[in-house]
Amino acid sequence: MKLECDCGSKKFVEEINYQKKILNSDGQVIDWTLVDTELLYFCFECGEEMTPTTH
């Protein structure tokens, strides 16, 4: 995988959205769902959303 940004940055942010948990009144997890399993990458310098290239 290769991350490149037009601004020339060498630092990137990986953001992963995890799961939504459903708790009972005791705070125990009774169910959960994946909210969004998409991985997002952002340029650390300019904040541009990246799409990794796979070569």
C-alpha atoms as a PDB file:
ATOM      1  CA  MET A   1       0.000   0.000   0.000  1.00  0.00           C
ATOM      2  CA  LYS A   2       1.201   3.488  -0.814  1.00  0.00           C
ATOM      3  CA  LEU A   3      -0.144   6.793   0.440  1.00  0.00           C
ATOM      4  CA  GLU A   4       0.654   9.897  -1.533  1.00  0.00           C
ATOM      5  CA  CYS A   5      -0.598  13.449  -1.269  1.00  0.00           C
ATOM      6  CA  ASP A   6      -0.144  16.315  -3.705  1.00  0.00           C
ATOM      7  CA  CYS A   7       1.226  18.501  -0.908  1.00  0.00           C
ATOM      8  CA  GLY A   8       4.202  16.142  -0.516  1.00  0.00           C
ATOM      9  CA  SER A   9       3.452  15.133   3.065  1.00  0.00           C
ATOM     10  CA  LYS A  10       5.010  11.968   4.465  1.00  0.00           C
ATOM     11  CA  LYS A  11       2.605  11.702   7.418  1.00  0.00           C
ATOM     12  CA  PHE A  12      -0.898  10.308   7.244  1.00  0.00           C
ATOM     13  CA  VAL A  13      -3.808   9.629   9.564  1.00  0.00           C
ATOM     14  CA  GLU A  14      -5.714   6.332   9.560  1.00  0.00           C
ATOM     15  CA  GLU A  15      -9.272   6.515  10.827  1.00  0.00           C
ATOM     16  CA  ILE A  16     -11.331   3.396  11.449  1.00  0.00           C
ATOM     17  CA  ASN A  17     -14.935   3.520  12.561  1.00  0.00           C
ATOM     18  CA  TYR A  18     -15.693   0.770  15.030  1.00  0.00           C
ATOM     19  CA  GLN A  19     -18.828  -0.754  16.455  1.00  0.00           C
ATOM     20  CA  LYS A  20     -21.890   0.585  18.208  1.00  0.00           C
ATOM     21  CA  LYS A  21     -22.623  -1.320  21.424  1.00  0.00           C
ATOM     22  CA  ILE A  22     -26.017  -1.738  23.021  1.00  0.00           C
ATOM     23  CA  LEU A  23     -25.876  -1.931  26.812  1.00  0.00           C
ATOM     24  CA  ASN A  24     -28.404  -3.025  29.393  1.00  0.00           C
ATOM     25  CA  SER A  25     -29.078  -1.010  32.558  1.00  0.00           C
ATOM     26  CA  ASP A  26     -26.118  -2.707  34.275  1.00  0.00           C
ATOM     27  CA  GLY A  27     -23.763  -1.486  31.573  1.00  0.00           C
ATOM     28  CA  GLN A  28     -23.252  -4.970  30.112  1.00  0.00           C
ATOM     29  CA  VAL A  29     -23.023  -5.350  26.358  1.00  0.00           C
ATOM     30  CA  ILE A  30     -26.098  -7.197  25.145  1.00  0.00           C
ATOM     31  CA  ASP A  31     -25.690  -6.537  21.431  1.00  0.00           C
ATOM     32  CA  TRP A  32     -23.487  -4.664  19.030  1.00  0.00           C
ATOM     33  CA  THR A  33     -23.412  -3.680  15.396  1.00  0.00           C
ATOM     34  CA  LEU A  34     -20.634  -2.582  13.121  1.00  0.00           C
ATOM     35  CA  VAL A  35     -21.391   1.050  12.491  1.00  0.00           C
ATOM     36  CA  ASP A  36     -19.096   1.485   9.519  1.00  0.00           C
ATOM     37  CA  THR A  37     -16.126  -0.699   8.728  1.00  0.00           C
ATOM     38  CA  GLU A  38     -14.675   1.712   6.213  1.00  0.00           C
ATOM     39  CA  LEU A  39     -11.037   2.654   6.644  1.00  0.00           C
ATOM     40  CA  LEU A  40     -10.316   6.272   5.910  1.00  0.00           C
ATOM     41  CA  TYR A  41      -6.919   7.825   5.359  1.00  0.00           C
ATOM     42  CA  PHE A  42      -6.170  11.512   5.646  1.00  0.00           C
ATOM     43  CA  CYS A  43      -3.111  13.606   4.946  1.00  0.00           C
ATOM     44  CA  PHE A  44      -1.612  14.758   8.256  1.00  0.00           C
ATOM     45  CA  GLU A  45      -0.495  18.078   6.779  1.00  0.00           C
ATOM     46  CA  CYS A  46      -3.392  19.360   4.669  1.00  0.00           C
ATOM     47  CA  GLY A  47      -6.258  17.082   5.786  1.00  0.00           C
ATOM     48  CA  GLU A  48      -7.006  15.813   2.283  1.00  0.00           C
ATOM     49  CA  GLU A  49      -8.769  12.436   2.199  1.00  0.00           C
ATOM     50  CA  MET A  50      -6.499   9.815   0.663  1.00  0.00           C
ATOM     51  CA  THR A  51      -7.143   6.698  -1.357  1.00  0.00           C
ATOM     52  CA  PRO A  52      -4.267   4.242  -0.925  1.00  0.00           C
ATOM     53  CA  THR A  53      -2.800   2.804  -4.094  1.00  0.00           C
ATOM     54  CA  THR A  54      -2.033  -0.903  -4.012  1.00  0.00           C
ATOM     55  CA  HIS A  55       1.116  -1.278  -6.080  1.00  0.00           C
END
